Amino acid sequence: MGRLGWYSARLAEQGIIGFVTADSGRAPKYVAPHGGRSRRLGTNPLSFAFPADVDGQVVLDMATSTVARGKINVAAARGESIPTGWLVDKEGKDTTDPRALANGGALLPFGADQ
């Protein structure tokens, strides 16, 4: 689907509060539920946008995982590590290795206690 904020911002440009969500549907799941270690949920992004009296709009565009999967892919491609609390490996252990996602790991949900 891409960046949801594009859609909600178009509504805000018209003076309307925009709220857009997306469900992963039948797509592969990448997020472990709170306390879980395996993939059960989609990233299920959401976006809010509000008209403002300044240039542009106020836009929030986020995944419901701690980080978007794309950031994990970029770190893996660059050979960089990621912060603790973003990902668990296939055994459910915290990891800073972004390649763990491609090897059966899972993203952690937004709002985790780490």
PDB file of N, CA and C in Angstrom:
ATOM      1  N   MET A   1       0.824  -1.194   0.000  1.00  0.00           N
ATOM      2  CA  MET A   1       0.000   0.000   0.000  1.00  0.00           C
ATOM      3  C   MET A   1       0.860   1.246   0.000  1.00  0.00           C
ATOM      4  N   GLY A   2       2.020   1.181   0.596  1.00  0.00           N
ATOM      5  CA  GLY A   2       2.876   2.357   0.644  1.00  0.00           C
ATOM      6  C   GLY A   2       2.589   3.215   1.854  1.00  0.00           C
ATOM      7  N   ARG A   3       2.905   4.473   1.730  1.00  0.00           N
ATOM      8  CA  ARG A   3       2.782   5.420   2.844  1.00  0.00           C
ATOM      9  C   ARG A   3       1.326   5.851   3.028  1.00  0.00           C
ATOM     10  N   LEU A   4       0.712   5.452   4.135  1.00  0.00           N
ATOM     11  CA  LEU A   4      -0.681   5.808   4.398  1.00  0.00           C
ATOM     12  C   LEU A   4      -0.864   7.309   4.587  1.00  0.00           C
ATOM     13  N   GLY A   5       0.176   7.974   5.094  1.00  0.00           N
ATOM     14  CA  GLY A   5       0.085   9.403   5.349  1.00  0.00           C
ATOM     15  C   GLY A   5      -0.259  10.211   4.109  1.00  0.00           C
ATOM     16  N   TRP A   6       0.088   9.695   2.945  1.00  0.00           N
ATOM     17  CA  TRP A   6      -0.260  10.396   1.706  1.00  0.00           C
ATOM     18  C   TRP A   6      -1.781  10.535   1.608  1.00  0.00           C
ATOM     19  N   TYR A   7      -2.501   9.484   1.946  1.00  0.00           N
ATOM     20  CA  TYR A   7      -3.961   9.488   1.839  1.00  0.00           C
ATOM     21  C   TYR A   7      -4.608  10.377   2.895  1.00  0.00           C
ATOM     22  N   SER A   8      -4.182  10.250   4.143  1.00  0.00           N
ATOM     23  CA  SER A   8      -4.783  11.071   5.198  1.00  0.00           C
ATOM     24  C   SER A   8      -4.442  12.550   4.994  1.00  0.00           C
ATOM     25  N   ALA A   9      -3.232  12.861   4.500  1.00  0.00           N
ATOM     26  CA  ALA A   9      -2.853  14.251   4.243  1.00  0.00           C
ATOM     27  C   ALA A   9      -3.729  14.872   3.162  1.00  0.00           C
ATOM     28  N   ARG A  10      -4.121  14.090   2.154  1.00  0.00           N
ATOM     29  CA  ARG A  10      -5.005  14.619   1.099  1.00  0.00           C
ATOM     30  C   ARG A  10      -6.346  15.042   1.711  1.00  0.00           C
ATOM     31  N   LEU A  11      -6.828  14.299   2.683  1.00  0.00           N
ATOM     32  CA  LEU A  11      -8.074  14.681   3.354  1.00  0.00           C
ATOM     33  C   LEU A  11      -7.885  15.968   4.147  1.00  0.00           C
ATOM     34  N   ALA A  12      -6.782  16.059   4.879  1.00  0.00           N
ATOM     35  CA  ALA A  12      -6.516  17.248   5.687  1.00  0.00           C
ATOM     36  C   ALA A  12      -6.390  18.497   4.809  1.00  0.00           C
ATOM     37  N   GLU A  13      -5.853  18.328   3.607  1.00  0.00           N
ATOM     38  CA  GLU A  13      -5.764  19.463   2.678  1.00  0.00           C
ATOM     39  C   GLU A  13      -7.144  20.024   2.358  1.00  0.00           C
ATOM     40  N   GLN A  14      -8.167  19.187   2.446  1.00  0.00           N
ATOM     41  CA  GLN A  14      -9.546  19.599   2.162  1.00  0.00           C
ATOM     42  C   GLN A  14     -10.281  20.068   3.410  1.00  0.00           C
ATOM     43  N   GLY A  15      -9.547  20.181   4.535  1.00  0.00           N
ATOM     44  CA  GLY A  15     -10.162  20.641   5.786  1.00  0.00           C
ATOM     45  C   GLY A  15     -10.830  19.533   6.575  1.00  0.00           C
ATOM     46  N   ILE A  16     -10.535  18.294   6.242  1.00  0.00           N
ATOM     47  CA  ILE A  16     -11.152  17.131   6.885  1.00  0.00           C
ATOM     48  C   ILE A  16     -10.105  16.405   7.718  1.00  0.00           C
ATOM     49  N   ILE A  17     -10.485  15.935   8.896  1.00  0.00           N
ATOM     50  CA  ILE A  17      -9.585  15.086   9.668  1.00  0.00           C
ATOM     51  C   ILE A  17      -9.544  13.725   8.978  1.00  0.00           C
ATOM     52  N   GLY A  18      -8.341  13.274   8.647  1.00  0.00           N
ATOM     53  CA  GLY A  18      -8.190  11.999   7.943  1.00  0.00           C
ATOM     54  C   GLY A  18      -7.712  10.900   8.866  1.00  0.00           C
ATOM     55  N   PHE A  19      -8.298   9.734   8.761  1.00  0.00           N
ATOM     56  CA  PHE A  19      -7.875   8.553   9.507  1.00  0.00           C
ATOM     57  C   PHE A  19      -7.893   7.379   8.539  1.00  0.00           C
ATOM     58  N   VAL A  20      -6.733   6.780   8.299  1.00  0.00           N
ATOM     59  CA  VAL A  20      -6.614   5.696   7.340  1.00  0.00           C
ATOM     60  C   VAL A  20      -5.915   4.529   8.028  1.00  0.00           C
ATOM     61  N   THR A  21      -6.425   3.328   7.827  1.00  0.00           N
ATOM     62  CA  THR A  21      -5.796   2.132   8.376  1.00  0.00           C
ATOM     63  C   THR A  21      -5.634   1.102   7.270  1.00  0.00           C
ATOM     64  N   ALA A  22      -4.767   0.147   7.532  1.00  0.00           N
ATOM     65  CA  ALA A  22      -4.593  -0.961   6.594  1.00  0.00           C
ATOM     66  C   ALA A  22      -4.392  -2.237   7.403  1.00  0.00           C
ATOM     67  N   ASP A  23      -4.971  -3.295   6.932  1.00  0.00           N
ATOM     68  CA  ASP A  23      -4.848  -4.605   7.556  1.00  0.00           C
ATOM     69  C   ASP A  23      -3.971  -5.459   6.652  1.00  0.00           C
ATOM     70  N   SER A  24      -3.170  -6.305   7.238  1.00  0.00           N
ATOM     71  CA  SER A  24      -2.291  -7.145   6.420  1.00  0.00           C
ATOM     72  C   SER A  24      -3.054  -8.234   5.678  1.00  0.00           C
ATOM     73  N   GLY A  25      -4.307  -8.442   6.046  1.00  0.00           N
ATOM     74  CA  GLY A  25      -5.118  -9.445   5.355  1.00  0.00           C
ATOM     75  C   GLY A  25      -4.450 -10.807   5.322  1.00  0.00           C
ATOM     76  N   ARG A  26      -4.331 -11.366   4.133  1.00  0.00           N
ATOM     77  CA  ARG A  26      -3.708 -12.684   3.982  1.00  0.00           C
ATOM     78  C   ARG A  26      -2.205 -12.617   3.742  1.00  0.00           C
ATOM     79  N   ALA A  27      -1.659 -11.412   3.768  1.00  0.00           N
ATOM     80  CA  ALA A  27      -0.211 -11.242   3.559  1.00  0.00           C
ATOM     81  C   ALA A  27       0.559 -11.886   4.708  1.00  0.00           C
ATOM     82  N   PRO A  28       1.827 -12.181   4.502  1.00  0.00           N
ATOM     83  CA  PRO A  28       2.625 -12.773   5.586  1.00  0.00           C
ATOM     84  C   PRO A  28       2.625 -11.900   6.834  1.00  0.00           C
ATOM     85  N   LYS A  29       2.646 -12.521   7.974  1.00  0.00           N
ATOM     86  CA  LYS A  29       2.680 -11.813   9.256  1.00  0.00           C
ATOM     87  C   LYS A  29       4.135 -11.695   9.702  1.00  0.00           C
ATOM     88  N   TYR A  30       4.466 -10.570  10.364  1.00  0.00           N
ATOM     89  CA  TYR A  30       5.839 -10.327  10.792  1.00  0.00           C
ATOM     90  C   TYR A  30       5.958  -9.909  12.247  1.00  0.00           C
ATOM     91  N   VAL A  31       4.842  -9.709  12.954  1.00  0.00           N
ATOM     92  CA  VAL A  31       4.878  -9.167  14.308  1.00  0.00           C
ATOM     93  C   VAL A  31       4.459 -10.222  15.329  1.00  0.00           C
ATOM     94  N   ALA A  32       5.263 -10.348  16.385  1.00  0.00           N
ATOM     95  CA  ALA A  32       4.904 -11.225  17.504  1.00  0.00           C
ATOM     96  C   ALA A  32       3.991 -10.433  18.444  1.00  0.00           C
ATOM     97  N   PRO A  33       2.966 -11.047  19.009  1.00  0.00           N
ATOM     98  CA  PRO A  33       2.146 -10.333  19.991  1.00  0.00           C
ATOM     99  C   PRO A  33       2.959 -10.068  21.260  1.00  0.00           C
ATOM    100  N   HIS A  34       2.490  -9.159  22.108  1.00  0.00           N
ATOM    101  CA  HIS A  34       3.174  -8.866  23.373  1.00  0.00           C
ATOM    102  C   HIS A  34       3.475 -10.172  24.107  1.00  0.00           C
ATOM    103  N   GLY A  35       4.732 -10.357  24.459  1.00  0.00           N
ATOM    104  CA  GLY A  35       5.143 -11.554  25.181  1.00  0.00           C
ATOM    105  C   GLY A  35       5.354 -12.764  24.292  1.00  0.00           C
ATOM    106  N   GLY A  36       5.073 -12.655  23.004  1.00  0.00           N
ATOM    107  CA  GLY A  36       5.213 -13.785  22.092  1.00  0.00           C
ATOM    108  C   GLY A  36       6.582 -13.821  21.450  1.00  0.00           C
ATOM    109  N   ARG A  37       6.831 -14.903  20.730  1.00  0.00           N
ATOM    110  CA  ARG A  37       8.115 -15.014  20.043  1.00  0.00           C
ATOM    111  C   ARG A  37       7.978 -15.351  18.572  1.00  0.00           C
ATOM    112  N   SER A  38       6.768 -15.642  18.134  1.00  0.00           N
ATOM    113  CA  SER A  38       6.600 -15.993  16.726  1.00  0.00           C
ATOM    114  C   SER A  38       5.630 -15.033  16.051  1.00  0.00           C
ATOM    115  N   ARG A  39       5.716 -14.985  14.750  1.00  0.00           N
ATOM    116  CA  ARG A  39       4.899 -14.087  13.933  1.00  0.00           C
ATOM    117  C   ARG A  39       3.430 -14.495  13.981  1.00  0.00           C
ATOM    118  N   ARG A  40       2.604 -13.576  14.377  1.00  0.00           N
ATOM    119  CA  ARG A  40       1.164 -13.830  14.413  1.00  0.00           C
ATOM    120  C   ARG A  40       0.350 -12.670  13.854  1.00  0.00           C
ATOM    121  N   LEU A  41       0.937 -11.464  13.811  1.00  0.00           N
ATOM    122  CA  LEU A  41       0.208 -10.255  13.441  1.00  0.00           C
ATOM    123  C   LEU A  41       0.876  -9.541  12.278  1.00  0.00           C
ATOM    124  N   GLY A  42       0.089  -8.752  11.567  1.00  0.00           N
ATOM    125  CA  GLY A  42       0.655  -7.882  10.545  1.00  0.00           C
ATOM    126  C   GLY A  42       1.140  -6.588  11.181  1.00  0.00           C
ATOM    127  N   THR A  43       1.815  -5.749  10.401  1.00  0.00           N
ATOM    128  CA  THR A  43       2.249  -4.454  10.935  1.00  0.00           C
ATOM    129  C   THR A  43       1.081  -3.473  11.015  1.00  0.00           C
ATOM    130  N   ASN A  44      -0.001  -3.743  10.303  1.00  0.00           N
ATOM    131  CA  ASN A  44      -1.261  -2.997  10.382  1.00  0.00           C
ATOM    132  C   ASN A  44      -1.070  -1.492  10.607  1.00  0.00           C
ATOM    133  N   PRO A  45      -0.518  -0.789   9.626  1.00  0.00           N
ATOM    134  CA  PRO A  45      -0.245   0.637   9.792  1.00  0.00           C
ATOM    135  C   PRO A  45      -1.509   1.480   9.914  1.00  0.00           C
ATOM    136  N   LEU A  46      -1.325   2.682  10.461  1.00  0.00           N
ATOM    137  CA  LEU A  46      -2.414   3.639  10.575  1.00  0.00           C
ATOM    138  C   LEU A  46      -1.875   5.041  10.393  1.00  0.00           C
ATOM    139  N   SER A  47      -2.751   5.947  10.009  1.00  0.00           N
ATOM    140  CA  SER A  47      -2.350   7.332   9.812  1.00  0.00           C
ATOM    141  C   SER A  47      -3.502   8.266  10.164  1.00  0.00           C
ATOM    142  N   PHE A  48      -3.149   9.339  10.880  1.00  0.00           N
ATOM    143  CA  PHE A  48      -4.063  10.436  11.177  1.00  0.00           C
ATOM    144  C   PHE A  48      -3.493  11.688  10.546  1.00  0.00           C
ATOM    145  N   ALA A  49      -4.343  12.558  10.045  1.00  0.00           N
ATOM    146  CA  ALA A  49      -3.904  13.873   9.570  1.00  0.00           C
ATOM    147  C   ALA A  49      -4.967  14.897   9.935  1.00  0.00           C
ATOM    148  N   PHE A  50      -4.494  16.078  10.329  1.00  0.00           N
ATOM    149  CA  PHE A  50      -5.381  17.148  10.766  1.00  0.00           C
ATOM    150  C   PHE A  50      -5.068  18.420  10.006  1.00  0.00           C
ATOM    151  N   PRO A  51      -6.105  19.168   9.613  1.00  0.00           N
ATOM    152  CA  PRO A  51      -5.849  20.475   9.012  1.00  0.00           C
ATOM    153  C   PRO A  51      -5.140  21.360  10.046  1.00  0.00           C
ATOM    154  N   ALA A  52      -4.310  22.281   9.583  1.00  0.00           N
ATOM    155  CA  ALA A  52      -3.576  23.158  10.494  1.00  0.00           C
ATOM    156  C   ALA A  52      -3.520  24.565   9.922  1.00  0.00           C
ATOM    157  N   ASP A  53      -3.267  25.539  10.794  1.00  0.00           N
ATOM    158  CA  ASP A  53      -3.144  26.930  10.367  1.00  0.00           C
ATOM    159  C   ASP A  53      -1.713  27.278   9.978  1.00  0.00           C
ATOM    160  N   VAL A  54      -0.914  26.279   9.658  1.00  0.00           N
ATOM    161  CA  VAL A  54       0.459  26.462   9.199  1.00  0.00           C
ATOM    162  C   VAL A  54       0.581  25.808   7.830  1.00  0.00           C
ATOM    163  N   ASP A  55       1.698  26.023   7.166  1.00  0.00           N
ATOM    164  CA  ASP A  55       1.904  25.358   5.871  1.00  0.00           C
ATOM    165  C   ASP A  55       1.917  23.852   6.089  1.00  0.00           C
ATOM    166  N   GLY A  56       1.139  23.129   5.340  1.00  0.00           N
ATOM    167  CA  GLY A  56       1.071  21.681   5.474  1.00  0.00           C
ATOM    168  C   GLY A  56       0.033  21.258   6.485  1.00  0.00           C
ATOM    169  N   GLN A  57       0.097  19.997   6.865  1.00  0.00           N
ATOM    170  CA  GLN A  57      -0.848  19.434   7.816  1.00  0.00           C
ATOM    171  C   GLN A  57      -0.058  18.736   8.936  1.00  0.00           C
ATOM    172  N   VAL A  58      -0.762  18.384   9.985  1.00  0.00           N
ATOM    173  CA  VAL A  58      -0.181  17.567  11.043  1.00  0.00           C
ATOM    174  C   VAL A  58      -0.498  16.120  10.672  1.00  0.00           C
ATOM    175  N   VAL A  59       0.533  15.304  10.471  1.00  0.00           N
ATOM    176  CA  VAL A  59       0.335  13.932  10.003  1.00  0.00           C
ATOM    177  C   VAL A  59       1.087  12.953  10.903  1.00  0.00           C
ATOM    178  N   LEU A  60       0.403  11.901  11.313  1.00  0.00           N
ATOM    179  CA  LEU A  60       1.027  10.769  11.998  1.00  0.00           C
ATOM    180  C   LEU A  60       0.840   9.562  11.092  1.00  0.00           C
ATOM    181  N   ASP A  61       1.925   8.897  10.753  1.00  0.00           N
ATOM    182  CA  ASP A  61       1.888   7.719   9.885  1.00  0.00           C
ATOM    183  C   ASP A  61       2.784   6.679  10.539  1.00  0.00           C
ATOM    184  N   MET A  62       2.211   5.579  11.005  1.00  0.00           N
ATOM    185  CA  MET A  62       3.007   4.620  11.763  1.00  0.00           C
ATOM    186  C   MET A  62       2.535   3.182  11.575  1.00  0.00           C
ATOM    187  N   ALA A  63       3.452   2.263  11.834  1.00  0.00           N
ATOM    188  CA  ALA A  63       3.110   0.845  11.904  1.00  0.00           C
ATOM    189  C   ALA A  63       2.748   0.537  13.350  1.00  0.00           C
ATOM    190  N   THR A  64       2.084  -0.561  13.581  1.00  0.00           N
ATOM    191  CA  THR A  64       1.779  -0.962  14.956  1.00  0.00           C
ATOM    192  C   THR A  64       2.854  -1.891  15.502  1.00  0.00           C
ATOM    193  N   SER A  65       3.932  -2.047  14.746  1.00  0.00           N
ATOM    194  CA  SER A  65       5.127  -2.720  15.255  1.00  0.00           C
ATOM    195  C   SER A  65       6.089  -1.630  15.739  1.00  0.00           C
ATOM    196  N   THR A  66       7.089  -2.015  16.514  1.00  0.00           N
ATOM    197  CA  THR A  66       8.052  -1.047  17.040  1.00  0.00           C
ATOM    198  C   THR A  66       8.731  -0.273  15.930  1.00  0.00           C
ATOM    199  N   VAL A  67       8.969  -0.932  14.809  1.00  0.00           N
ATOM    200  CA  VAL A  67       9.635  -0.314  13.674  1.00  0.00           C
ATOM    201  C   VAL A  67       9.044  -0.914  12.402  1.00  0.00           C
ATOM    202  N   ALA A  68       9.076  -0.157  11.338  1.00  0.00           N
ATOM    203  CA  ALA A  68       8.594  -0.676  10.054  1.00  0.00           C
ATOM    204  C   ALA A  68       9.555  -1.747   9.525  1.00  0.00           C
ATOM    205  N   ARG A  69       9.025  -2.751   8.883  1.00  0.00           N
ATOM    206  CA  ARG A  69       9.836  -3.838   8.335  1.00  0.00           C
ATOM    207  C   ARG A  69      10.880  -3.327   7.353  1.00  0.00           C
ATOM    208  N   GLY A  70      10.549  -2.272   6.630  1.00  0.00           N
ATOM    209  CA  GLY A  70      11.493  -1.698   5.675  1.00  0.00           C
ATOM    210  C   GLY A  70      12.789  -1.230   6.331  1.00  0.00           C
ATOM    211  N   LYS A  71      12.710  -0.702   7.548  1.00  0.00           N
ATOM    212  CA  LYS A  71      13.924  -0.266   8.253  1.00  0.00           C
ATOM    213  C   LYS A  71      14.804  -1.461   8.600  1.00  0.00           C
ATOM    214  N   ILE A  72      14.193  -2.585   8.907  1.00  0.00           N
ATOM    215  CA  ILE A  72      14.958  -3.804   9.179  1.00  0.00           C
ATOM    216  C   ILE A  72      15.662  -4.243   7.894  1.00  0.00           C
ATOM    217  N   ASN A  73      14.940  -4.208   6.783  1.00  0.00           N
ATOM    218  CA  ASN A  73      15.524  -4.609   5.493  1.00  0.00           C
ATOM    219  C   ASN A  73      16.698  -3.711   5.098  1.00  0.00           C
ATOM    220  N   VAL A  74      16.571  -2.411   5.328  1.00  0.00           N
ATOM    221  CA  VAL A  74      17.659  -1.477   5.002  1.00  0.00           C
ATOM    222  C   VAL A  74      18.887  -1.780   5.858  1.00  0.00           C
ATOM    223  N   ALA A  75      18.696  -1.990   7.160  1.00  0.00           N
ATOM    224  CA  ALA A  75      19.820  -2.300   8.050  1.00  0.00           C
ATOM    225  C   ALA A  75      20.507  -3.597   7.619  1.00  0.00           C
ATOM    226  N   ALA A  76      19.721  -4.597   7.245  1.00  0.00           N
ATOM    227  CA  ALA A  76      20.297  -5.876   6.797  1.00  0.00           C
ATOM    228  C   ALA A  76      21.125  -5.671   5.528  1.00  0.00           C
ATOM    229  N   ALA A  77      20.590  -4.897   4.585  1.00  0.00           N
ATOM    230  CA  ALA A  77      21.290  -4.656   3.329  1.00  0.00           C
ATOM    231  C   ALA A  77      22.590  -3.887   3.546  1.00  0.00           C
ATOM    232  N   ARG A  78      22.620  -3.022   4.547  1.00  0.00           N
ATOM    233  CA  ARG A  78      23.821  -2.231   4.842  1.00  0.00           C
ATOM    234  C   ARG A  78      24.784  -2.949   5.781  1.00  0.00           C
ATOM    235  N   GLY A  79      24.372  -4.097   6.311  1.00  0.00           N
ATOM    236  CA  GLY A  79      25.220  -4.814   7.255  1.00  0.00           C
ATOM    237  C   GLY A  79      25.303  -4.128   8.608  1.00  0.00           C
ATOM    238  N   GLU A  80      24.285  -3.356   8.949  1.00  0.00           N
ATOM    239  CA  GLU A  80      24.253  -2.622  10.221  1.00  0.00           C
ATOM    240  C   GLU A  80      23.457  -3.384  11.263  1.00  0.00           C
ATOM    241  N   SER A  81      23.728  -3.131  12.523  1.00  0.00           N
ATOM    242  CA  SER A  81      22.920  -3.715  13.593  1.00  0.00           C
ATOM    243  C   SER A  81      21.731  -2.795  13.867  1.00  0.00           C
ATOM    244  N   ILE A  82      20.771  -3.310  14.591  1.00  0.00           N
ATOM    245  CA  ILE A  82      19.575  -2.555  14.945  1.00  0.00           C
ATOM    246  C   ILE A  82      19.491  -2.467  16.471  1.00  0.00           C
ATOM    247  N   PRO A  83      18.718  -1.526  17.002  1.00  0.00           N
ATOM    248  CA  PRO A  83      18.583  -1.422  18.458  1.00  0.00           C
ATOM    249  C   PRO A  83      17.877  -2.635  19.066  1.00  0.00           C
ATOM    250  N   THR A  84      18.253  -2.965  20.278  1.00  0.00           N
ATOM    251  CA  THR A  84      17.538  -3.995  21.033  1.00  0.00           C
ATOM    252  C   THR A  84      16.092  -3.535  21.229  1.00  0.00           C
ATOM    253  N   GLY A  85      15.157  -4.466  21.156  1.00  0.00           N
ATOM    254  CA  GLY A  85      13.755  -4.127  21.340  1.00  0.00           C
ATOM    255  C   GLY A  85      12.976  -3.998  20.055  1.00  0.00           C
ATOM    256  N   TRP A  86      13.661  -4.115  18.917  1.00  0.00           N
ATOM    257  CA  TRP A  86      12.973  -4.056  17.630  1.00  0.00           C
ATOM    258  C   TRP A  86      12.580  -5.439  17.146  1.00  0.00           C
ATOM    259  N   LEU A  87      13.368  -6.448  17.472  1.00  0.00           N
ATOM    260  CA  LEU A  87      13.257  -7.750  16.816  1.00  0.00           C
ATOM    261  C   LEU A  87      13.661  -8.861  17.771  1.00  0.00           C
ATOM    262  N   VAL A  88      13.011 -10.007  17.631  1.00  0.00           N
ATOM    263  CA  VAL A  88      13.442 -11.223  18.317  1.00  0.00           C
ATOM    264  C   VAL A  88      13.795 -12.256  17.256  1.00  0.00           C
ATOM    265  N   ASP A  89      14.733 -13.142  17.594  1.00  0.00           N
ATOM    266  CA  ASP A  89      15.093 -14.202  16.648  1.00  0.00           C
ATOM    267  C   ASP A  89      14.057 -15.316  16.692  1.00  0.00           C
ATOM    268  N   LYS A  90      14.257 -16.381  15.927  1.00  0.00           N
ATOM    269  CA  LYS A  90      13.249 -17.446  15.848  1.00  0.00           C
ATOM    270  C   LYS A  90      13.065 -18.186  17.163  1.00  0.00           C
ATOM    271  N   GLU A  91      13.985 -18.006  18.113  1.00  0.00           N
ATOM    272  CA  GLU A  91      13.855 -18.598  19.451  1.00  0.00           C
ATOM    273  C   GLU A  91      13.169 -17.642  20.431  1.00  0.00           C
ATOM    274  N   GLY A  92      12.845 -16.431  19.958  1.00  0.00           N
ATOM    275  CA  GLY A  92      12.183 -15.445  20.810  1.00  0.00           C
ATOM    276  C   GLY A  92      13.142 -14.622  21.644  1.00  0.00           C
ATOM    277  N   LYS A  93      14.426 -14.660  21.324  1.00  0.00           N
ATOM    278  CA  LYS A  93      15.435 -13.908  22.073  1.00  0.00           C
ATOM    279  C   LYS A  93      15.703 -12.581  21.367  1.00  0.00           C
ATOM    280  N   ASP A  94      15.885 -11.510  22.182  1.00  0.00           N
ATOM    281  CA  ASP A  94      16.234 -10.211  21.611  1.00  0.00           C
ATOM    282  C   ASP A  94      17.471 -10.339  20.735  1.00  0.00           C
ATOM    283  N   THR A  95      17.476  -9.602  19.646  1.00  0.00           N
ATOM    284  CA  THR A  95      18.631  -9.607  18.761  1.00  0.00           C
ATOM    285  C   THR A  95      18.839  -8.230  18.169  1.00  0.00           C
ATOM    286  N   THR A  96      20.086  -7.932  17.842  1.00  0.00           N
ATOM    287  CA  THR A  96      20.412  -6.693  17.133  1.00  0.00           C
ATOM    288  C   THR A  96      20.784  -6.992  15.690  1.00  0.00           C
ATOM    289  N   ASP A  97      20.605  -8.233  15.269  1.00  0.00           N
ATOM    290  CA  ASP A  97      20.930  -8.666  13.913  1.00  0.00           C
ATOM    291  C   ASP A  97      19.682  -8.588  13.037  1.00  0.00           C
ATOM    292  N   PRO A  98      19.620  -7.642  12.109  1.00  0.00           N
ATOM    293  CA  PRO A  98      18.416  -7.505  11.290  1.00  0.00           C
ATOM    294  C   PRO A  98      18.148  -8.714  10.395  1.00  0.00           C
ATOM    295  N   ARG A  99      19.173  -9.519  10.123  1.00  0.00           N
ATOM    296  CA  ARG A  99      18.982 -10.705   9.279  1.00  0.00           C
ATOM    297  C   ARG A  99      18.121 -11.760   9.967  1.00  0.00           C
ATOM    298  N   ALA A 100      17.937 -11.626  11.276  1.00  0.00           N
ATOM    299  CA  ALA A 100      17.109 -12.587  12.017  1.00  0.00           C
ATOM    300  C   ALA A 100      15.666 -12.588  11.522  1.00  0.00           C
ATOM    301  N   LEU A 101      15.187 -11.457  11.010  1.00  0.00           N
ATOM    302  CA  LEU A 101      13.808 -11.411  10.509  1.00  0.00           C
ATOM    303  C   LEU A 101      13.628 -12.352   9.328  1.00  0.00           C
ATOM    304  N   ALA A 102      14.584 -12.359   8.420  1.00  0.00           N
ATOM    305  CA  ALA A 102      14.511 -13.240   7.251  1.00  0.00           C
ATOM    306  C   ALA A 102      14.716 -14.704   7.628  1.00  0.00           C
ATOM    307  N   ASN A 103      15.241 -14.940   8.823  1.00  0.00           N
ATOM    308  CA  ASN A 103      15.505 -16.305   9.290  1.00  0.00           C
ATOM    309  C   ASN A 103      14.489 -16.767  10.333  1.00  0.00           C
ATOM    310  N   GLY A 104      13.267 -16.256  10.262  1.00  0.00           N
ATOM    311  CA  GLY A 104      12.202 -16.724  11.137  1.00  0.00           C
ATOM    312  C   GLY A 104      11.951 -15.888  12.364  1.00  0.00           C
ATOM    313  N   GLY A 105      12.666 -14.776  12.513  1.00  0.00           N
ATOM    314  CA  GLY A 105      12.440 -13.894  13.657  1.00  0.00           C
ATOM    315  C   GLY A 105      11.153 -13.108  13.493  1.00  0.00           C
ATOM    316  N   ALA A 106      10.865 -12.244  14.463  1.00  0.00           N
ATOM    317  CA  ALA A 106       9.633 -11.466  14.433  1.00  0.00           C
ATOM    318  C   ALA A 106       9.863 -10.045  14.942  1.00  0.00           C
ATOM    319  N   LEU A 107       9.166  -9.095  14.339  1.00  0.00           N
ATOM    320  CA  LEU A 107       9.156  -7.731  14.842  1.00  0.00           C
ATOM    321  C   LEU A 107       8.414  -7.709  16.157  1.00  0.00           C
ATOM    322  N   LEU A 108       8.769  -6.776  17.021  1.00  0.00           N
ATOM    323  CA  LEU A 108       8.056  -6.625  18.279  1.00  0.00           C
ATOM    324  C   LEU A 108       6.956  -5.561  18.129  1.00  0.00           C
ATOM    325  N   PRO A 109       5.890  -5.674  18.889  1.00  0.00           N
ATOM    326  CA  PRO A 109       4.788  -4.726  18.760  1.00  0.00           C
ATOM    327  C   PRO A 109       5.119  -3.361  19.344  1.00  0.00           C
ATOM    328  N   PHE A 110       4.474  -2.338  18.830  1.00  0.00           N
ATOM    329  CA  PHE A 110       4.598  -0.985  19.332  1.00  0.00           C
ATOM    330  C   PHE A 110       4.136  -0.955  20.788  1.00  0.00           C
ATOM    331  N   GLY A 111       4.844  -0.219  21.622  1.00  0.00           N
ATOM    332  CA  GLY A 111       4.443  -0.077  23.008  1.00  0.00           C
ATOM    333  C   GLY A 111       4.915  -1.185  23.921  1.00  0.00           C
ATOM    334  N   ALA A 112       5.900  -1.957  23.478  1.00  0.00           N
ATOM    335  CA  ALA A 112       6.428  -3.032  24.329  1.00  0.00           C
ATOM    336  C   ALA A 112       7.075  -2.408  25.557  1.00  0.00           C
ATOM    337  N   ASP A 113       7.351  -3.224  26.553  1.00  0.00           N
ATOM    338  CA  ASP A 113       7.886  -2.730  27.815  1.00  0.00           C
ATOM    339  C   ASP A 113       9.407  -2.645  27.847  1.00  0.00           C
ATOM    340  N   GLN A 114      10.051  -2.656  26.699  1.00  0.00           N
ATOM    341  CA  GLN A 114      11.510  -2.583  26.673  1.00  0.00           C
ATOM    342  C   GLN A 114      12.001  -1.181  26.521  1.00  0.00           C
TER     343      GLN A 114
END
